[in-house]
């Protein structure tokens, strides 16, 4: 069993799914909490932005330390700025998709956000893999 777990955790995609699952659950729980408590004041987009702001910090730490392990060697501040850049794209898409699902399709904001999460998760994986935590591959001939 330990070998199976070790083999699974050796796969970056599995680690991304684990961290993504934790962070998605946290972000969605925050969205629901804000929506149910102060959503009548700030609206569903306000709930979305607050939940993103908190979840981004948690996601960065988890992805940098666990998912994209090679990222630990880079500059954390540069990684964080690039990480935020990926989330800005995801948030922009979420900002467009959520009102579309709520206002046009007439879904409840909680259901609409659950659907939006699927789309933004795919975007964030590729964005983080190829941009946030990208490391330049060293040419073996450059080592001399």
Foldseek 3Di string as FASTA:
>chain_A
DVVVVVVQQVDLVSLLCVLLVVLVVQLLVQLVVCCVPVCVPQNSLNSNVVSCVVSLVSSLVSCPVRRLPVLVPDDSVQLSVLLVVLVVVLSVVLVVQQCCCCVVVNDDSSVSVVVSSVVSSVSSVVSSDCTSRDDDDDDPVVVD
